[in-house]
Amino acid sequence: MDAAEFDDLASDLVDSYLLYLRGRGPEPDTSQLSSDQRRRLREQFAIVAALADRAPQLPALDSDPVAIRLGLADPARAAVPGEDPVAAVLRQLELRFDRQVAVDYAPAWKQWQAAELSAVAQCSALGNSVALFSTALTPLTGEPAGVAVFLRHYPDISAVCLTSADAREAVLLTAADVNASVDPVRGWLEPGIHTAADLLEVTLGRYFESRLPRWERVAALTDLIDLGDVSADAAAVAVSAVARARRTRPRLPHRREAVAALKALDPSSIAAVLVEVQAGRLSGNALVSRLSALAEAVAS
């Protein structure tokens, strides 16, 4: 078995090993390989086992939403003695997001007057601002009309969060939530019908978690931008990568079809995309459309 054949076989065995780790197949058989090949494959298996299905770093127990929902942790447990439960959650929110979420206890709308609503603070991050009100309303979704008026007066506010005084029940309402909506089956729906209450820590945490970027994913972007003219390098890399992919002889049917489709791919088209991305001329939806067009051209 030459090096290329071993690489193809190793690729298939690694795929099988990943399925084995996920409980979706038997452990791959490596008995037909030489001792050196088995050693090299074991090294690859060890890397796959270490990286496969890695979960994000677990939060502290007191701030773990699952633990809180199961009653194993209390969101106010880590609070300073005598500290207001809502204030304790806001303090934990700042710590959880490493001060990326700013809490302002004296926002411009602080004097807003509304029945049953008491202004608490504004939580902001990267243009997303949440006005937090404390209320004794039950259920919390029963005040969409008042929230709609507030959002019309303060269009720079992204959402309004209503919380109980003990921070154990909170809802987050956007402009879409506080206005009637149309369902293709049920027709007109009342405001707030899709909004579910949860713990204040979970409600605010979920909102900002979905809006704050993962900076570590683009930590090396400046290195790419500062490379200068990469036309020659991009062309060389594209030609090498496509040629290497075309030489493979996979055993799985879908992989064989993919390799066959690569015969229609011009490496210069990949190089052109790399150059335009590096120069900042191609990004976002335009980049997705460009890659989709290349894929369609290859598949046709």
Protein backbone atom coordinates (compact mmCIF):
# COMPACT_ATOMS: atom_id res chain seq x y z
CA MET A 1 0.00 0.00 0.00
CA ASP A 2 1.56 3.30 -1.10
CA ALA A 3 1.29 6.59 0.78
CA ALA A 4 -1.69 7.87 -1.25
CA GLU A 5 -3.66 4.66 -0.70
CA PHE A 6 -2.91 4.77 3.02
CA ASP A 7 -4.06 8.40 3.23
CA ASP A 8 -7.36 7.49 1.54
CA LEU A 9 -7.89 4.51 3.83
CA ALA A 10 -6.91 6.52 6.92
CA SER A 11 -9.43 9.20 6.00
CA ASP A 12 -12.22 6.61 5.80
CA LEU A 13 -11.13 4.98 9.07
CA VAL A 14 -11.08 8.33 10.85
CA ASP A 15 -14.65 8.95 9.66
CA SER A 16 -15.65 5.52 10.95
CA TYR A 17 -13.91 6.19 14.26
CA LEU A 18 -15.83 9.44 14.68
CA LEU A 19 -19.09 7.57 14.14
CA TYR A 20 -17.89 5.01 16.69
CA LEU A 21 -17.26 7.75 19.26
CA ARG A 22 -20.78 9.04 18.71
CA GLY A 23 -22.26 5.56 19.20
CA ARG A 24 -23.35 5.23 15.58
CA GLY A 25 -21.11 2.42 14.37
CA PRO A 26 -18.57 -0.27 15.31
CA GLU A 27 -14.96 0.43 16.14
CA PRO A 28 -12.97 0.48 12.89
CA ASP A 29 -10.85 -2.59 12.15
CA THR A 30 -7.14 -1.80 11.68
CA SER A 31 -5.84 -5.38 11.77
CA GLN A 32 -4.94 -5.32 8.06
CA LEU A 33 -2.46 -2.49 8.60
CA SER A 34 1.19 -2.74 9.49
CA SER A 35 2.36 -1.86 13.00
CA ASP A 36 3.73 1.48 11.83
CA GLN A 37 0.50 2.33 10.03
CA ARG A 38 -1.53 1.35 13.10
CA ARG A 39 0.67 3.60 15.24
CA ARG A 40 0.13 6.55 12.91
CA LEU A 41 -3.60 5.87 12.83
CA ARG A 42 -3.78 5.64 16.64
CA GLU A 43 -2.26 9.12 16.78
CA GLN A 44 -4.98 10.41 14.47
CA PHE A 45 -7.65 8.63 16.52
CA ALA A 46 -6.30 10.28 19.68
CA ILE A 47 -6.60 13.72 18.08
CA VAL A 48 -10.15 13.00 16.90
CA ALA A 49 -11.15 11.75 20.35
CA ALA A 50 -9.75 14.89 21.96
CA LEU A 51 -11.44 17.31 19.56
CA ALA A 52 -14.68 15.61 18.59
CA ASP A 53 -17.88 17.20 19.88
CA ARG A 54 -16.09 19.51 22.30
CA ALA A 55 -18.54 21.38 24.50
CA PRO A 56 -18.07 25.03 25.49
CA GLN A 57 -16.54 25.77 28.85
CA LEU A 58 -19.08 25.12 31.57
CA PRO A 59 -20.18 28.14 33.63
CA ALA A 60 -19.94 28.24 37.38
CA LEU A 61 -22.69 26.29 39.12
CA ASP A 62 -24.35 29.43 40.50
CA SER A 63 -24.65 30.85 36.96
CA ASP A 64 -25.42 27.61 35.12
CA PRO A 65 -28.95 27.97 33.63
CA VAL A 66 -29.52 24.20 33.71
CA ALA A 67 -28.51 23.96 37.37
CA ILE A 68 -30.77 26.90 38.20
CA ARG A 69 -33.75 25.37 36.41
CA LEU A 70 -33.21 22.06 38.23
CA GLY A 71 -33.07 23.87 41.57
CA LEU A 72 -29.43 22.93 42.14
CA ALA A 73 -28.34 26.58 42.19
CA ASP A 74 -29.93 29.85 43.14
CA PRO A 75 -29.20 32.97 41.03
CA ALA A 76 -29.18 35.07 44.21
CA ARG A 77 -26.93 32.66 46.14
CA ALA A 78 -23.74 34.42 45.10
CA ALA A 79 -25.17 37.83 45.97
CA VAL A 80 -23.70 40.10 48.60
CA PRO A 81 -25.67 39.75 51.88
CA GLY A 82 -28.62 42.12 51.74
CA GLU A 83 -28.15 42.81 48.03
CA ASP A 84 -31.26 43.19 45.92
CA PRO A 85 -31.81 39.99 43.84
CA VAL A 86 -32.21 41.95 40.59
CA ALA A 87 -29.04 43.96 41.28
CA ALA A 88 -27.22 40.70 42.06
CA VAL A 89 -28.22 39.27 38.68
CA LEU A 90 -27.05 42.42 36.87
CA ARG A 91 -23.71 42.25 38.68
CA GLN A 92 -23.32 38.62 37.66
CA LEU A 93 -24.29 39.54 34.09
CA GLU A 94 -21.40 42.01 33.87
CA LEU A 95 -18.97 39.46 35.27
CA ARG A 96 -20.22 36.68 33.02
CA PHE A 97 -19.60 38.70 29.86
CA ASP A 98 -16.36 40.22 31.16
CA ARG A 99 -17.78 43.76 31.19
CA GLN A 100 -18.83 43.55 27.54
CA VAL A 101 -22.36 44.22 28.81
CA ALA A 102 -22.62 47.64 30.46
CA VAL A 103 -25.27 48.28 33.12
CA ASP A 104 -26.49 51.88 33.49
CA TYR A 105 -28.66 52.56 36.54
CA ALA A 106 -29.48 56.12 35.41
CA PRO A 107 -30.46 55.89 31.72
CA ALA A 108 -32.15 58.71 29.83
CA TRP A 109 -35.56 57.05 30.16
CA LYS A 110 -35.26 56.57 33.94
CA GLN A 111 -38.19 58.91 34.61
CA TRP A 112 -40.57 56.98 32.36
CA GLN A 113 -43.91 56.62 34.12
CA ALA A 114 -46.03 53.54 33.52
CA ALA A 115 -48.55 51.75 35.69
CA GLU A 116 -47.09 48.75 37.52
CA LEU A 117 -43.62 49.28 36.02
CA SER A 118 -40.57 50.49 37.96
CA ALA A 119 -37.45 51.45 35.99
CA VAL A 120 -34.30 49.57 37.08
CA ALA A 121 -31.44 49.86 34.58
CA GLN A 122 -30.33 49.70 30.97
CA CYS A 123 -28.10 46.83 29.80
CA SER A 124 -26.16 47.53 26.61
CA ALA A 125 -23.66 45.76 24.37
CA LEU A 126 -22.61 46.60 20.81
CA GLY A 127 -25.70 48.65 19.98
CA ASN A 128 -28.12 46.26 21.67
CA SER A 129 -29.85 47.99 24.60
CA VAL A 130 -32.35 46.38 26.96
CA ALA A 131 -34.51 48.52 29.26
CA LEU A 132 -35.12 46.62 32.49
CA PHE A 133 -38.28 47.20 34.53
CA SER A 134 -39.36 45.58 37.77
CA THR A 135 -43.04 44.74 38.03
CA ALA A 136 -45.55 42.90 40.15
CA LEU A 137 -47.67 41.99 37.12
CA THR A 138 -48.81 38.39 36.74
CA PRO A 139 -48.30 37.13 34.11
CA LEU A 140 -45.45 39.32 32.96
CA THR A 141 -46.61 39.09 29.34
CA GLY A 142 -49.76 41.00 30.28
CA GLU A 143 -48.20 44.44 29.63
CA PRO A 144 -47.34 44.45 25.89
CA ALA A 145 -49.32 47.63 25.18
CA GLY A 146 -47.32 49.70 27.68
CA VAL A 147 -44.06 48.27 26.38
CA ALA A 148 -45.06 49.09 22.79
CA VAL A 149 -45.61 52.73 23.76
CA PHE A 150 -42.22 52.84 25.49
CA LEU A 151 -40.41 51.40 22.45
CA ARG A 152 -42.07 53.95 20.18
CA HIS A 153 -40.82 56.78 22.44
CA TYR A 154 -37.30 55.31 22.65
CA PRO A 155 -36.45 53.71 19.28
CA ASP A 156 -32.80 53.28 20.32
CA ILE A 157 -33.88 50.64 22.85
CA SER A 158 -33.75 47.16 21.30
CA ALA A 159 -35.96 45.35 23.82
CA VAL A 160 -37.67 45.66 27.19
CA CYS A 161 -37.19 43.13 29.98
CA LEU A 162 -39.81 42.82 32.71
CA THR A 163 -38.74 41.05 35.90
CA SER A 164 -40.27 40.14 39.21
CA ALA A 165 -38.69 41.67 42.31
CA ASP A 166 -37.03 38.36 43.26
CA ALA A 167 -35.55 37.88 39.74
CA ARG A 168 -37.14 34.45 39.46
CA GLU A 169 -39.41 35.34 36.58
CA ALA A 170 -38.59 37.59 33.63
CA VAL A 171 -39.64 38.09 30.03
CA LEU A 172 -37.89 39.94 27.22
CA LEU A 173 -40.10 41.76 24.71
CA THR A 174 -39.00 43.21 21.38
CA ALA A 175 -41.11 45.46 19.15
CA ALA A 176 -42.24 42.34 17.28
CA ASP A 177 -43.43 40.73 20.53
CA VAL A 178 -45.60 43.65 21.64
CA ASN A 179 -47.58 43.97 18.43
CA ALA A 180 -50.15 41.68 16.87
CA SER A 181 -48.75 39.15 14.40
CA VAL A 182 -50.19 36.97 11.66
CA ASP A 183 -49.93 33.18 11.63
CA PRO A 184 -50.70 31.36 8.35
CA VAL A 185 -52.87 28.85 10.23
CA ARG A 186 -54.21 30.65 13.31
CA GLY A 187 -54.61 34.12 11.81
CA TRP A 188 -54.07 37.21 13.96
CA LEU A 189 -52.25 36.49 17.25
CA GLU A 190 -52.32 38.61 20.36
CA PRO A 191 -49.12 40.47 21.39
CA GLY A 192 -46.73 38.53 23.61
CA ILE A 193 -48.18 35.12 22.76
CA HIS A 194 -44.77 33.71 21.76
CA THR A 195 -42.95 35.06 24.83
CA ALA A 196 -42.10 32.65 27.65
CA ALA A 197 -41.00 33.66 31.14
CA ASP A 198 -37.75 32.43 32.67
CA LEU A 199 -35.27 33.43 35.34
CA LEU A 200 -33.90 36.95 34.87
CA GLU A 201 -30.33 35.64 34.63
CA VAL A 202 -31.33 33.16 31.93
CA THR A 203 -33.45 35.68 30.01
CA LEU A 204 -30.80 38.41 29.81
CA GLY A 205 -27.94 35.93 29.42
CA ARG A 206 -29.60 34.21 26.46
CA TYR A 207 -30.26 37.55 24.76
CA PHE A 208 -26.69 38.85 24.97
CA GLU A 209 -25.14 35.44 24.32
CA SER A 210 -26.80 35.42 20.90
CA ARG A 211 -25.68 38.96 20.06
CA LEU A 212 -22.10 39.22 21.28
CA PRO A 213 -19.55 38.03 18.69
CA ARG A 214 -17.08 35.22 19.26
CA TRP A 215 -13.92 37.30 18.95
CA GLU A 216 -11.61 34.30 19.23
CA ARG A 217 -12.81 33.10 15.82
CA VAL A 218 -11.33 36.17 14.10
CA ALA A 219 -8.32 36.70 16.35
CA ALA A 220 -5.90 36.13 13.45
CA LEU A 221 -7.81 38.23 10.90
CA THR A 222 -5.28 41.09 11.10
CA ASP A 223 -2.51 38.67 10.17
CA LEU A 224 -4.39 37.79 6.97
CA ILE A 225 -5.15 41.41 6.10
CA ASP A 226 -1.53 42.49 6.57
CA LEU A 227 -0.12 39.89 4.17
CA GLY A 228 -0.03 42.29 1.22
CA ASP A 229 -0.43 40.92 -2.30
CA VAL A 230 -1.31 37.24 -1.97
CA SER A 231 -2.26 36.60 -5.61
CA ALA A 232 0.66 34.29 -6.35
CA ASP A 233 0.42 32.44 -3.04
CA ALA A 234 -3.36 32.08 -3.38
CA ALA A 235 -3.00 30.62 -6.89
CA ALA A 236 -0.31 28.17 -5.75
CA VAL A 237 -2.31 27.05 -2.74
CA ALA A 238 -5.51 26.65 -4.77
CA VAL A 239 -3.78 24.62 -7.49
CA SER A 240 -2.05 22.41 -4.92
CA ALA A 241 -5.19 21.85 -2.86
CA VAL A 242 -7.39 21.00 -5.84
CA ALA A 243 -4.74 18.70 -7.34
CA ARG A 244 -4.31 16.89 -4.03
CA ALA A 245 -8.07 16.44 -3.71
CA ARG A 246 -8.33 15.10 -7.27
CA ARG A 247 -5.64 12.47 -6.57
CA THR A 248 -7.54 10.92 -3.70
CA ARG A 249 -9.40 7.65 -4.24
CA PRO A 250 -12.04 7.55 -1.51
CA ARG A 251 -14.14 4.47 -0.91
CA LEU A 252 -17.35 6.14 0.23
CA PRO A 253 -19.74 6.86 -2.68
CA HIS A 254 -20.48 10.48 -1.76
CA ARG A 255 -16.75 11.20 -1.54
CA ARG A 256 -16.10 9.65 -4.93
CA GLU A 257 -18.82 11.86 -6.43
CA ALA A 258 -17.25 14.93 -4.82
CA VAL A 259 -13.80 14.11 -6.23
CA ALA A 260 -15.32 13.54 -9.69
CA ALA A 261 -17.04 16.94 -9.50
CA LEU A 262 -13.72 18.63 -8.76
CA LYS A 263 -12.63 17.97 -12.36
CA ALA A 264 -14.86 20.88 -13.39
CA LEU A 265 -13.39 23.26 -10.82
CA ASP A 266 -10.89 25.84 -12.06
CA PRO A 267 -8.33 26.52 -9.27
CA SER A 268 -7.98 30.10 -10.48
CA SER A 269 -11.60 30.77 -9.47
CA ILE A 270 -10.76 29.77 -5.89
CA ALA A 271 -7.63 31.90 -5.94
CA ALA A 272 -9.67 34.90 -7.15
CA VAL A 273 -12.04 34.52 -4.21
CA LEU A 274 -9.13 34.36 -1.76
CA VAL A 275 -7.59 37.51 -3.17
CA GLU A 276 -10.85 39.47 -3.05
CA VAL A 277 -11.53 38.40 0.54
CA GLN A 278 -8.00 39.37 1.59
CA ALA A 279 -8.38 42.76 -0.11
CA GLY A 280 -11.68 43.41 1.66
CA ARG A 281 -13.69 43.55 -1.56
CA LEU A 282 -15.73 40.41 -0.84
CA SER A 283 -17.50 39.50 2.38
CA GLY A 284 -20.86 38.71 3.95
CA ASN A 285 -23.72 37.77 1.64
CA ALA A 286 -21.65 38.55 -1.45
CA LEU A 287 -19.05 35.97 -0.38
CA VAL A 288 -21.75 33.36 0.27
CA SER A 289 -23.32 34.05 -3.14
CA ARG A 290 -19.94 33.77 -4.86
CA LEU A 291 -19.16 30.43 -3.24
CA SER A 292 -22.70 29.16 -3.97
CA ALA A 293 -22.24 30.03 -7.63
CA LEU A 294 -18.92 28.13 -7.73
CA ALA A 295 -20.52 25.10 -6.09
CA GLU A 296 -23.46 25.14 -8.52
CA ALA A 297 -21.10 25.42 -11.47
CA VAL A 298 -19.11 22.40 -10.28
CA ALA A 299 -22.23 20.33 -9.55
CA SER A 300 -23.88 21.07 -12.91
